[in-house]
Amino acid sequence: MRIAILTGSVRPARKSHKVAYYLKEQLEERNTVTDLIDMRNNPLPIFGSETDTDRQSEFETTIRNISDRLQNADAIIFVTPEYHGSFSGVLKNTLEYFWSEFSKKPIGVATASSGKMGGINASSQLQHVVLSLGAYPVPLKLLVPGIDNAFDESNKPRNEQLKKSVNKFLNEFLWFADAIYRKKEQQSYRESA
C-alpha cells in the first residue's frame, strides 16, 4: 500500500510540516511506502488565476507531478495548520486542482495549532471537504496542540502523549486504508475474472 502525505503550509515560520515529516518517518518504520508532497517545494498559482506565461510550463509540470503522485497513492493524509479557525489556504488551493485523484480513497486528517485545541476546527472542516471530494474521511483525527513546542529540532515529539496520539492515529488510519484497499483489490479481481 502506498500513502501520500500532503502538507498545507508554505510560510517561512511554519511548524505543521514537522507533523508531516514525523508521520512519514513512522509510516516508513511500519514498512509503508510513503510519498510526502510538501507544497513549499511544489508551489502552485491561485487556482483559476492568470499565471505568468514564462512559468506556465513549470506549473503544468508541477500539477502533473502532484496528480501522478496522488493518483498512485492508495490512501492520503492531509496535514495542515489551523489558520483563523480553518485549514490553510494553501491546502484549499491545492485541492482545487485535483478531483479524480481522491476518488474512493481513505484520507486521514492531521492538524496543528499553537493553542490547546490542536486545530479541531480545521480538522472538522477538512473531513467535510474529504466527503465532497468523493473520498472517505478516516473517523479519528490527529490533533497536535502547542505545535510551537511539540517537536524538537530533528522533528521528534517532545512528549509521550504526542507519540501515543500519533500511534493511535496511524493504527486507525492504516486499518481503515487497508480495509478499503483490500475491498478494491477484491472488486478488481472479480471484474477481471
N, C-alpha and C. Protein backbone atom coordinates (compact mmCIF):
# COMPACT_ATOMS: atom_id res chain seq x y z
N MET A 1 0.84 -1.17 0.00
CA MET A 1 0.00 0.00 0.00
C MET A 1 0.89 1.24 0.00
N ARG A 2 0.47 2.24 -0.76
CA ARG A 2 1.23 3.49 -0.88
C ARG A 2 0.43 4.63 -0.24
N ILE A 3 1.11 5.41 0.59
CA ILE A 3 0.48 6.52 1.29
C ILE A 3 1.12 7.83 0.83
N ALA A 4 0.30 8.81 0.49
CA ALA A 4 0.79 10.16 0.20
C ALA A 4 0.42 11.05 1.38
N ILE A 5 1.35 11.92 1.74
CA ILE A 5 1.10 12.92 2.78
C ILE A 5 1.20 14.27 2.09
N LEU A 6 0.14 15.07 2.21
CA LEU A 6 0.08 16.37 1.56
C LEU A 6 0.13 17.46 2.62
N THR A 7 1.18 18.29 2.59
CA THR A 7 1.30 19.37 3.57
C THR A 7 0.54 20.59 3.12
N GLY A 8 0.08 21.38 4.07
CA GLY A 8 -0.73 22.54 3.74
C GLY A 8 -0.17 23.86 4.23
N SER A 9 1.13 23.98 4.33
CA SER A 9 1.68 25.26 4.75
C SER A 9 3.00 25.52 4.04
N VAL A 10 3.18 26.78 3.65
CA VAL A 10 4.42 27.18 2.98
C VAL A 10 5.08 28.37 3.67
N ARG A 11 4.50 28.83 4.76
CA ARG A 11 5.01 30.02 5.45
C ARG A 11 6.44 29.78 5.96
N PRO A 12 7.26 30.84 5.97
CA PRO A 12 8.64 30.69 6.44
C PRO A 12 8.75 30.13 7.86
N ALA A 13 7.85 30.54 8.76
CA ALA A 13 7.93 30.10 10.16
C ALA A 13 7.00 28.94 10.45
N ARG A 14 6.62 28.19 9.44
CA ARG A 14 5.67 27.09 9.63
C ARG A 14 6.19 26.05 10.62
N LYS A 15 5.26 25.34 11.23
CA LYS A 15 5.61 24.27 12.18
C LYS A 15 4.89 22.97 11.86
N SER A 16 3.73 23.04 11.19
CA SER A 16 2.93 21.83 10.95
C SER A 16 3.64 20.82 10.06
N HIS A 17 4.61 21.27 9.28
CA HIS A 17 5.35 20.32 8.44
C HIS A 17 6.08 19.28 9.29
N LYS A 18 6.38 19.63 10.54
CA LYS A 18 7.04 18.67 11.43
C LYS A 18 6.13 17.47 11.68
N VAL A 19 4.84 17.71 11.75
CA VAL A 19 3.87 16.61 11.90
C VAL A 19 3.97 15.70 10.68
N ALA A 20 3.99 16.30 9.48
CA ALA A 20 4.05 15.52 8.24
C ALA A 20 5.32 14.68 8.17
N TYR A 21 6.45 15.28 8.49
CA TYR A 21 7.71 14.55 8.41
C TYR A 21 7.78 13.44 9.46
N TYR A 22 7.21 13.68 10.63
CA TYR A 22 7.18 12.63 11.65
C TYR A 22 6.25 11.49 11.24
N LEU A 23 5.09 11.83 10.67
CA LEU A 23 4.19 10.78 10.18
C LEU A 23 4.86 9.93 9.11
N LYS A 24 5.58 10.59 8.21
CA LYS A 24 6.31 9.86 7.17
C LYS A 24 7.31 8.88 7.78
N GLU A 25 8.06 9.36 8.75
CA GLU A 25 9.04 8.51 9.42
C GLU A 25 8.36 7.30 10.08
N GLN A 26 7.26 7.56 10.78
CA GLN A 26 6.55 6.48 11.48
C GLN A 26 5.94 5.47 10.51
N LEU A 27 5.41 5.95 9.39
CA LEU A 27 4.86 5.04 8.38
C LEU A 27 5.97 4.18 7.77
N GLU A 28 7.10 4.79 7.50
CA GLU A 28 8.21 4.03 6.91
C GLU A 28 8.74 2.99 7.89
N GLU A 29 8.70 3.28 9.19
CA GLU A 29 9.10 2.29 10.19
C GLU A 29 8.15 1.10 10.19
N ARG A 30 6.94 1.31 9.69
CA ARG A 30 5.94 0.24 9.57
C ARG A 30 5.97 -0.38 8.17
N ASN A 31 7.06 -0.15 7.46
CA ASN A 31 7.27 -0.69 6.10
C ASN A 31 6.19 -0.27 5.12
N THR A 32 5.76 0.97 5.23
CA THR A 32 4.76 1.51 4.32
C THR A 32 5.44 2.47 3.36
N VAL A 33 5.20 2.30 2.07
CA VAL A 33 5.75 3.20 1.06
C VAL A 33 5.04 4.54 1.22
N THR A 34 5.82 5.59 1.44
CA THR A 34 5.27 6.90 1.76
C THR A 34 5.86 7.98 0.87
N ASP A 35 4.99 8.84 0.36
CA ASP A 35 5.40 9.94 -0.51
C ASP A 35 4.91 11.24 0.12
N LEU A 36 5.84 12.07 0.59
CA LEU A 36 5.48 13.34 1.20
C LEU A 36 5.49 14.43 0.14
N ILE A 37 4.34 15.04 -0.09
CA ILE A 37 4.19 16.11 -1.07
C ILE A 37 4.16 17.42 -0.29
N ASP A 38 5.30 18.06 -0.20
CA ASP A 38 5.44 19.30 0.55
C ASP A 38 5.16 20.46 -0.40
N MET A 39 4.08 21.18 -0.14
CA MET A 39 3.68 22.25 -1.06
C MET A 39 4.67 23.41 -1.08
N ARG A 40 5.52 23.50 -0.10
CA ARG A 40 6.57 24.53 -0.15
C ARG A 40 7.51 24.24 -1.32
N ASN A 41 7.72 22.97 -1.61
CA ASN A 41 8.60 22.56 -2.71
C ASN A 41 7.86 22.40 -4.04
N ASN A 42 6.55 22.55 -4.01
CA ASN A 42 5.70 22.37 -5.20
C ASN A 42 4.69 23.50 -5.31
N PRO A 43 5.15 24.74 -5.44
CA PRO A 43 4.21 25.86 -5.42
C PRO A 43 3.26 25.87 -6.61
N LEU A 44 2.02 26.24 -6.33
CA LEU A 44 1.00 26.35 -7.37
C LEU A 44 0.41 27.75 -7.34
N PRO A 45 0.09 28.31 -8.50
CA PRO A 45 -0.58 29.61 -8.51
C PRO A 45 -2.01 29.46 -7.99
N ILE A 46 -2.64 30.57 -7.66
CA ILE A 46 -4.03 30.54 -7.21
C ILE A 46 -4.86 29.93 -8.34
N PHE A 47 -5.64 28.91 -7.99
CA PHE A 47 -6.43 28.20 -8.99
C PHE A 47 -7.36 29.17 -9.71
N GLY A 48 -7.35 29.12 -11.04
CA GLY A 48 -8.22 29.95 -11.85
C GLY A 48 -7.65 31.32 -12.18
N SER A 49 -6.50 31.65 -11.60
CA SER A 49 -5.91 32.96 -11.89
C SER A 49 -5.02 32.86 -13.12
N GLU A 50 -4.78 33.99 -13.71
CA GLU A 50 -3.85 34.03 -14.84
C GLU A 50 -2.44 33.88 -14.28
N THR A 51 -1.64 33.07 -14.95
CA THR A 51 -0.27 32.88 -14.48
C THR A 51 0.71 33.49 -15.47
N ASP A 52 1.86 33.77 -14.95
CA ASP A 52 2.95 34.30 -15.76
C ASP A 52 3.26 33.29 -16.87
N THR A 53 3.16 33.72 -18.13
CA THR A 53 3.37 32.79 -19.24
C THR A 53 4.77 32.19 -19.24
N ASP A 54 5.73 32.90 -18.67
CA ASP A 54 7.10 32.37 -18.58
C ASP A 54 7.17 31.16 -17.65
N ARG A 55 6.25 31.08 -16.70
CA ARG A 55 6.27 29.98 -15.73
C ARG A 55 5.16 28.96 -15.98
N GLN A 56 4.35 29.14 -17.00
CA GLN A 56 3.21 28.27 -17.27
C GLN A 56 3.62 26.81 -17.39
N SER A 57 4.65 26.52 -18.16
CA SER A 57 5.06 25.12 -18.34
C SER A 57 5.59 24.53 -17.04
N GLU A 58 6.24 25.35 -16.22
CA GLU A 58 6.72 24.89 -14.92
C GLU A 58 5.54 24.48 -14.04
N PHE A 59 4.49 25.32 -14.01
CA PHE A 59 3.31 25.00 -13.20
C PHE A 59 2.60 23.76 -13.74
N GLU A 60 2.50 23.63 -15.05
CA GLU A 60 1.85 22.46 -15.65
C GLU A 60 2.60 21.19 -15.27
N THR A 61 3.92 21.26 -15.26
CA THR A 61 4.74 20.11 -14.86
C THR A 61 4.50 19.78 -13.39
N THR A 62 4.44 20.80 -12.54
CA THR A 62 4.19 20.58 -11.12
C THR A 62 2.81 19.96 -10.90
N ILE A 63 1.81 20.45 -11.60
CA ILE A 63 0.44 19.92 -11.46
C ILE A 63 0.41 18.46 -11.90
N ARG A 64 1.03 18.12 -13.02
CA ARG A 64 1.06 16.72 -13.49
C ARG A 64 1.79 15.84 -12.48
N ASN A 65 2.90 16.35 -11.94
CA ASN A 65 3.68 15.58 -10.98
C ASN A 65 2.86 15.28 -9.72
N ILE A 66 2.22 16.30 -9.18
CA ILE A 66 1.40 16.08 -7.98
C ILE A 66 0.23 15.16 -8.30
N SER A 67 -0.40 15.35 -9.44
CA SER A 67 -1.51 14.49 -9.84
C SER A 67 -1.08 13.03 -9.90
N ASP A 68 0.05 12.76 -10.52
CA ASP A 68 0.55 11.39 -10.62
C ASP A 68 0.82 10.81 -9.23
N ARG A 69 1.41 11.60 -8.37
CA ARG A 69 1.75 11.12 -7.03
C ARG A 69 0.49 10.82 -6.21
N LEU A 70 -0.51 11.68 -6.33
CA LEU A 70 -1.78 11.44 -5.63
C LEU A 70 -2.51 10.24 -6.23
N GLN A 71 -2.49 10.14 -7.55
CA GLN A 71 -3.16 9.03 -8.22
C GLN A 71 -2.54 7.69 -7.82
N ASN A 72 -1.22 7.67 -7.64
CA ASN A 72 -0.52 6.43 -7.29
C ASN A 72 -0.69 6.04 -5.83
N ALA A 73 -1.21 6.95 -5.02
CA ALA A 73 -1.40 6.65 -3.60
C ALA A 73 -2.68 5.86 -3.40
N ASP A 74 -2.62 4.92 -2.47
CA ASP A 74 -3.81 4.16 -2.10
C ASP A 74 -4.59 4.86 -0.99
N ALA A 75 -3.91 5.72 -0.25
CA ALA A 75 -4.53 6.49 0.83
C ALA A 75 -3.70 7.76 1.00
N ILE A 76 -4.32 8.77 1.60
CA ILE A 76 -3.68 10.08 1.71
C ILE A 76 -3.90 10.64 3.10
N ILE A 77 -2.93 11.41 3.57
CA ILE A 77 -3.07 12.16 4.82
C ILE A 77 -2.88 13.63 4.49
N PHE A 78 -3.84 14.45 4.89
CA PHE A 78 -3.72 15.90 4.79
C PHE A 78 -3.17 16.42 6.11
N VAL A 79 -2.12 17.24 6.04
CA VAL A 79 -1.56 17.85 7.23
C VAL A 79 -1.63 19.36 7.06
N THR A 80 -2.27 20.04 7.99
CA THR A 80 -2.43 21.49 7.88
C THR A 80 -2.41 22.15 9.25
N PRO A 81 -1.93 23.38 9.29
CA PRO A 81 -2.13 24.17 10.49
C PRO A 81 -3.55 24.73 10.49
N GLU A 82 -3.99 25.17 11.64
CA GLU A 82 -5.27 25.89 11.68
C GLU A 82 -4.94 27.38 11.66
N TYR A 83 -5.44 28.05 10.63
CA TYR A 83 -5.28 29.49 10.50
C TYR A 83 -6.67 30.13 10.55
N HIS A 84 -6.87 31.07 11.46
CA HIS A 84 -8.13 31.81 11.55
C HIS A 84 -9.34 30.87 11.62
N GLY A 85 -9.22 29.80 12.38
CA GLY A 85 -10.34 28.88 12.59
C GLY A 85 -10.63 27.92 11.45
N SER A 86 -9.70 27.79 10.50
CA SER A 86 -9.92 26.90 9.37
C SER A 86 -8.59 26.30 8.91
N PHE A 87 -8.68 25.42 7.92
CA PHE A 87 -7.44 24.87 7.36
C PHE A 87 -6.81 25.89 6.42
N SER A 88 -5.58 25.65 6.03
CA SER A 88 -4.81 26.65 5.30
C SER A 88 -5.31 26.90 3.88
N GLY A 89 -5.10 28.12 3.42
CA GLY A 89 -5.44 28.48 2.05
C GLY A 89 -4.61 27.71 1.05
N VAL A 90 -3.38 27.40 1.40
CA VAL A 90 -2.51 26.62 0.51
C VAL A 90 -3.12 25.25 0.24
N LEU A 91 -3.61 24.60 1.29
CA LEU A 91 -4.23 23.28 1.09
C LEU A 91 -5.51 23.41 0.27
N LYS A 92 -6.34 24.40 0.57
CA LYS A 92 -7.57 24.61 -0.20
C LYS A 92 -7.23 24.83 -1.67
N ASN A 93 -6.25 25.68 -1.94
CA ASN A 93 -5.85 25.95 -3.32
C ASN A 93 -5.36 24.68 -4.01
N THR A 94 -4.57 23.90 -3.31
CA THR A 94 -4.06 22.65 -3.88
C THR A 94 -5.20 21.70 -4.23
N LEU A 95 -6.16 21.57 -3.33
CA LEU A 95 -7.29 20.66 -3.56
C LEU A 95 -8.11 21.08 -4.77
N GLU A 96 -8.16 22.38 -5.07
CA GLU A 96 -8.92 22.87 -6.22
C GLU A 96 -8.40 22.29 -7.55
N TYR A 97 -7.13 21.93 -7.60
CA TYR A 97 -6.52 21.44 -8.83
C TYR A 97 -6.86 19.97 -9.13
N PHE A 98 -7.32 19.24 -8.14
CA PHE A 98 -7.46 17.80 -8.30
C PHE A 98 -8.86 17.32 -7.91
N TRP A 99 -9.27 16.21 -8.49
CA TRP A 99 -10.58 15.63 -8.18
C TRP A 99 -10.50 14.12 -8.23
N SER A 100 -10.30 13.57 -9.41
CA SER A 100 -10.30 12.11 -9.57
C SER A 100 -9.21 11.44 -8.75
N GLU A 101 -8.16 12.17 -8.46
CA GLU A 101 -7.05 11.61 -7.68
C GLU A 101 -7.48 11.18 -6.28
N PHE A 102 -8.59 11.73 -5.78
CA PHE A 102 -9.06 11.42 -4.43
C PHE A 102 -10.20 10.40 -4.40
N SER A 103 -10.76 10.07 -5.54
CA SER A 103 -11.95 9.25 -5.62
C SER A 103 -11.82 7.92 -4.87
N LYS A 104 -12.74 7.71 -3.94
CA LYS A 104 -12.85 6.48 -3.16
C LYS A 104 -11.58 6.11 -2.41
N LYS A 105 -10.80 7.11 -2.04
CA LYS A 105 -9.59 6.84 -1.25
C LYS A 105 -9.82 7.26 0.19
N PRO A 106 -9.26 6.50 1.13
CA PRO A 106 -9.31 6.92 2.53
C PRO A 106 -8.35 8.09 2.73
N ILE A 107 -8.83 9.10 3.46
CA ILE A 107 -8.00 10.27 3.73
C ILE A 107 -8.02 10.56 5.22
N GLY A 108 -6.83 10.60 5.80
CA GLY A 108 -6.67 10.97 7.20
C GLY A 108 -6.40 12.46 7.30
N VAL A 109 -6.80 13.04 8.42
CA VAL A 109 -6.63 14.47 8.64
C VAL A 109 -5.79 14.68 9.90
N ALA A 110 -4.70 15.43 9.73
CA ALA A 110 -3.84 15.81 10.86
C ALA A 110 -3.74 17.33 10.86
N THR A 111 -4.04 17.93 12.00
CA THR A 111 -3.98 19.38 12.11
C THR A 111 -3.14 19.78 13.31
N ALA A 112 -2.68 21.02 13.27
CA ALA A 112 -1.85 21.55 14.35
C ALA A 112 -2.20 23.00 14.60
N SER A 113 -2.02 23.41 15.85
CA SER A 113 -2.22 24.82 16.19
C SER A 113 -1.30 25.17 17.35
N SER A 114 -1.10 26.45 17.53
CA SER A 114 -0.28 26.88 18.66
C SER A 114 -1.08 26.83 19.96
N GLY A 115 -2.40 26.80 19.85
CA GLY A 115 -3.27 26.74 21.02
C GLY A 115 -3.48 25.33 21.54
N LYS A 116 -4.42 25.20 22.46
CA LYS A 116 -4.65 23.93 23.15
C LYS A 116 -5.58 22.98 22.41
N MET A 117 -6.28 23.47 21.37
CA MET A 117 -7.27 22.64 20.70
C MET A 117 -6.71 21.84 19.52
N GLY A 118 -5.49 22.10 19.12
CA GLY A 118 -4.83 21.28 18.11
C GLY A 118 -5.40 21.39 16.70
N GLY A 119 -6.15 22.45 16.42
CA GLY A 119 -6.69 22.60 15.08
C GLY A 119 -8.00 21.87 14.86
N ILE A 120 -8.79 21.73 15.90
CA ILE A 120 -10.03 20.95 15.80
C ILE A 120 -11.00 21.53 14.77
N ASN A 121 -11.07 22.86 14.65
CA ASN A 121 -11.96 23.45 13.65
C ASN A 121 -11.51 23.09 12.24
N ALA A 122 -10.23 23.20 11.99
CA ALA A 122 -9.69 22.85 10.67
C ALA A 122 -9.94 21.38 10.36
N SER A 123 -9.75 20.53 11.36
CA SER A 123 -9.92 19.09 11.12
C SER A 123 -11.37 18.74 10.79
N SER A 124 -12.30 19.35 11.52
CA SER A 124 -13.72 19.08 11.25
C SER A 124 -14.12 19.56 9.86
N GLN A 125 -13.66 20.74 9.49
CA GLN A 125 -13.98 21.27 8.16
C GLN A 125 -13.36 20.40 7.07
N LEU A 126 -12.15 19.95 7.29
CA LEU A 126 -11.49 19.12 6.28
C LEU A 126 -12.21 17.79 6.08
N GLN A 127 -12.77 17.23 7.13
CA GLN A 127 -13.49 15.98 6.94
C GLN A 127 -14.70 16.17 6.03
N HIS A 128 -15.34 17.31 6.10
CA HIS A 128 -16.44 17.62 5.17
C HIS A 128 -15.93 17.77 3.75
N VAL A 129 -14.78 18.41 3.61
CA VAL A 129 -14.18 18.58 2.28
C VAL A 129 -13.81 17.22 1.69
N VAL A 130 -13.28 16.33 2.51
CA VAL A 130 -12.93 14.98 2.05
C VAL A 130 -14.16 14.29 1.46
N LEU A 131 -15.29 14.38 2.14
CA LEU A 131 -16.52 13.79 1.61
C LEU A 131 -16.89 14.44 0.28
N SER A 132 -16.73 15.74 0.16
CA SER A 132 -17.06 16.45 -1.08
C SER A 132 -16.13 16.06 -2.22
N LEU A 133 -14.95 15.58 -1.89
CA LEU A 133 -14.01 15.13 -2.92
C LEU A 133 -14.33 13.71 -3.40
N GLY A 134 -15.33 13.08 -2.79
CA GLY A 134 -15.67 11.71 -3.16
C GLY A 134 -14.74 10.69 -2.52
N ALA A 135 -14.14 11.09 -1.40
CA ALA A 135 -13.22 10.22 -0.68
C ALA A 135 -13.83 9.83 0.67
N TYR A 136 -13.10 9.01 1.43
CA TYR A 136 -13.58 8.52 2.71
C TYR A 136 -12.74 9.10 3.84
N PRO A 137 -13.31 9.96 4.68
CA PRO A 137 -12.54 10.50 5.80
C PRO A 137 -12.35 9.46 6.90
N VAL A 138 -11.14 9.30 7.35
CA VAL A 138 -10.87 8.41 8.48
C VAL A 138 -11.48 9.08 9.72
N PRO A 139 -12.30 8.35 10.48
CA PRO A 139 -13.00 8.98 11.60
C PRO A 139 -12.09 9.62 12.66
N LEU A 140 -10.99 8.97 12.99
CA LEU A 140 -10.09 9.51 14.01
C LEU A 140 -9.16 10.54 13.38
N LYS A 141 -9.09 11.71 14.00
CA LYS A 141 -8.23 12.78 13.51
C LYS A 141 -7.02 12.91 14.43
N LEU A 142 -5.92 13.38 13.88
CA LEU A 142 -4.74 13.68 14.70
C LEU A 142 -4.72 15.18 14.94
N LEU A 143 -4.85 15.57 16.20
CA LEU A 143 -4.81 16.98 16.60
C LEU A 143 -3.53 17.22 17.40
N VAL A 144 -2.74 18.20 16.96
CA VAL A 144 -1.47 18.48 17.63
C VAL A 144 -1.54 19.89 18.23
N PRO A 145 -1.81 19.98 19.53
CA PRO A 145 -1.83 21.30 20.18
C PRO A 145 -0.41 21.77 20.50
N GLY A 146 -0.26 23.06 20.75
CA GLY A 146 1.04 23.60 21.14
C GLY A 146 2.14 23.27 20.16
N ILE A 147 1.86 23.39 18.87
CA ILE A 147 2.82 22.97 17.84
C ILE A 147 4.17 23.66 17.98
N ASP A 148 4.19 24.86 18.53
CA ASP A 148 5.45 25.59 18.66
C ASP A 148 6.49 24.82 19.47
N ASN A 149 6.03 24.01 20.43
CA ASN A 149 6.95 23.26 21.29
C ASN A 149 6.74 21.76 21.21
N ALA A 150 5.95 21.28 20.27
CA ALA A 150 5.61 19.86 20.22
C ALA A 150 6.75 18.97 19.73
N PHE A 151 7.62 19.53 18.87
CA PHE A 151 8.71 18.76 18.28
C PHE A 151 10.05 19.43 18.55
N ASP A 152 11.10 18.60 18.60
CA ASP A 152 12.43 19.17 18.74
C ASP A 152 12.98 19.53 17.35
N GLU A 153 14.24 19.95 17.29
CA GLU A 153 14.80 20.40 16.02
C GLU A 153 14.97 19.28 14.99
N SER A 154 14.92 18.03 15.41
CA SER A 154 15.01 16.91 14.46
C SER A 154 13.64 16.28 14.20
N ASN A 155 12.58 17.03 14.47
CA ASN A 155 11.20 16.61 14.21
C ASN A 155 10.75 15.40 15.04
N LYS A 156 11.29 15.28 16.22
CA LYS A 156 10.86 14.22 17.15
C LYS A 156 9.94 14.82 18.20
N PRO A 157 8.87 14.13 18.55
CA PRO A 157 7.96 14.65 19.58
C PRO A 157 8.68 14.85 20.91
N ARG A 158 8.29 15.91 21.59
CA ARG A 158 8.91 16.21 22.89
C ARG A 158 8.20 15.52 24.05
N ASN A 159 7.00 14.94 23.79
CA ASN A 159 6.31 14.30 24.91
C ASN A 159 5.68 12.98 24.48
N GLU A 160 5.46 12.14 25.46
CA GLU A 160 4.92 10.80 25.22
C GLU A 160 3.47 10.83 24.74
N GLN A 161 2.70 11.81 25.20
CA GLN A 161 1.29 11.88 24.79
C GLN A 161 1.18 12.06 23.28
N LEU A 162 2.03 12.89 22.70
CA LEU A 162 2.01 13.10 21.25
C LEU A 162 2.38 11.81 20.53
N LYS A 163 3.38 11.10 21.02
CA LYS A 163 3.76 9.82 20.41
C LYS A 163 2.58 8.84 20.44
N LYS A 164 1.88 8.79 21.57
CA LYS A 164 0.72 7.91 21.69
C LYS A 164 -0.39 8.32 20.73
N SER A 165 -0.62 9.61 20.62
CA SER A 165 -1.66 10.11 19.71
C SER A 165 -1.33 9.77 18.26
N VAL A 166 -0.07 9.94 17.88
CA VAL A 166 0.35 9.60 16.51
C VAL A 166 0.18 8.11 16.27
N ASN A 167 0.59 7.30 17.23
CA ASN A 167 0.48 5.84 17.09
C ASN A 167 -0.99 5.42 16.95
N LYS A 168 -1.85 5.98 17.77
CA LYS A 168 -3.28 5.65 17.71
C LYS A 168 -3.87 6.08 16.36
N PHE A 169 -3.52 7.29 15.91
CA PHE A 169 -3.99 7.80 14.62
C PHE A 169 -3.53 6.89 13.48
N LEU A 170 -2.24 6.53 13.47
CA LEU A 170 -1.73 5.70 12.38
C LEU A 170 -2.32 4.30 12.41
N ASN A 171 -2.53 3.74 13.59
CA ASN A 171 -3.19 2.43 13.67
C ASN A 171 -4.57 2.47 13.04
N GLU A 172 -5.34 3.50 13.38
CA GLU A 172 -6.69 3.65 12.83
C GLU A 172 -6.64 3.93 11.32
N PHE A 173 -5.76 4.83 10.93
CA PHE A 173 -5.63 5.19 9.52
C PHE A 173 -5.24 3.97 8.68
N LEU A 174 -4.25 3.22 9.12
CA LEU A 174 -3.80 2.05 8.35
C LEU A 174 -4.84 0.94 8.33
N TRP A 175 -5.57 0.75 9.42
CA TRP A 175 -6.64 -0.24 9.43
C TRP A 175 -7.70 0.13 8.40
N PHE A 176 -8.12 1.38 8.44
CA PHE A 176 -9.15 1.89 7.53
C PHE A 176 -8.67 1.81 6.08
N ALA A 177 -7.44 2.26 5.85
CA ALA A 177 -6.87 2.25 4.49
C ALA A 177 -6.73 0.83 3.97
N ASP A 178 -6.29 -0.08 4.83
CA ASP A 178 -6.11 -1.47 4.41
C ASP A 178 -7.46 -2.12 4.07
N ALA A 179 -8.49 -1.82 4.86
CA ALA A 179 -9.82 -2.39 4.60
C ALA A 179 -10.33 -1.94 3.23
N ILE A 180 -10.19 -0.68 2.91
CA ILE A 180 -10.64 -0.17 1.61
C ILE A 180 -9.76 -0.69 0.49
N TYR A 181 -8.47 -0.75 0.73
CA TYR A 181 -7.53 -1.28 -0.26
C TYR A 181 -7.89 -2.72 -0.63
N ARG A 182 -8.14 -3.55 0.40
CA ARG A 182 -8.49 -4.95 0.16
C ARG A 182 -9.81 -5.08 -0.59
N LYS A 183 -10.77 -4.26 -0.24
CA LYS A 183 -12.07 -4.29 -0.93
C LYS A 183 -11.90 -3.93 -2.40
N LYS A 184 -11.10 -2.93 -2.68
CA LYS A 184 -10.83 -2.55 -4.07
C LYS A 184 -10.12 -3.68 -4.83
N GLU A 185 -9.20 -4.34 -4.16
CA GLU A 185 -8.48 -5.46 -4.78
C GLU A 185 -9.45 -6.60 -5.12
N GLN A 186 -10.35 -6.93 -4.19
CA GLN A 186 -11.35 -7.96 -4.43
C GLN A 186 -12.25 -7.60 -5.60
N GLN A 187 -12.70 -6.37 -5.60
CA GLN A 187 -13.58 -5.90 -6.68
C GLN A 187 -12.85 -5.92 -8.01
N SER A 188 -11.60 -5.52 -8.04
CA SER A 188 -10.80 -5.53 -9.26
C SER A 188 -10.60 -6.95 -9.77
N TYR A 189 -10.37 -7.89 -8.84
CA TYR A 189 -10.18 -9.30 -9.20
C TYR A 189 -11.46 -9.86 -9.81
N ARG A 190 -12.61 -9.57 -9.18
CA ARG A 190 -13.90 -10.06 -9.69
C ARG A 190 -14.21 -9.50 -11.07
N GLU A 191 -13.89 -8.22 -11.27
CA GLU A 191 -14.17 -7.58 -12.56
C GLU A 191 -13.28 -8.13 -13.67
N SER A 192 -12.07 -8.58 -13.31
CA SER A 192 -11.16 -9.11 -14.34
C SER A 192 -11.38 -10.59 -14.61
N ALA A 193 -12.11 -11.27 -13.72
CA ALA A 193 -12.34 -12.72 -13.89
C ALA A 193 -13.43 -13.01 -14.91
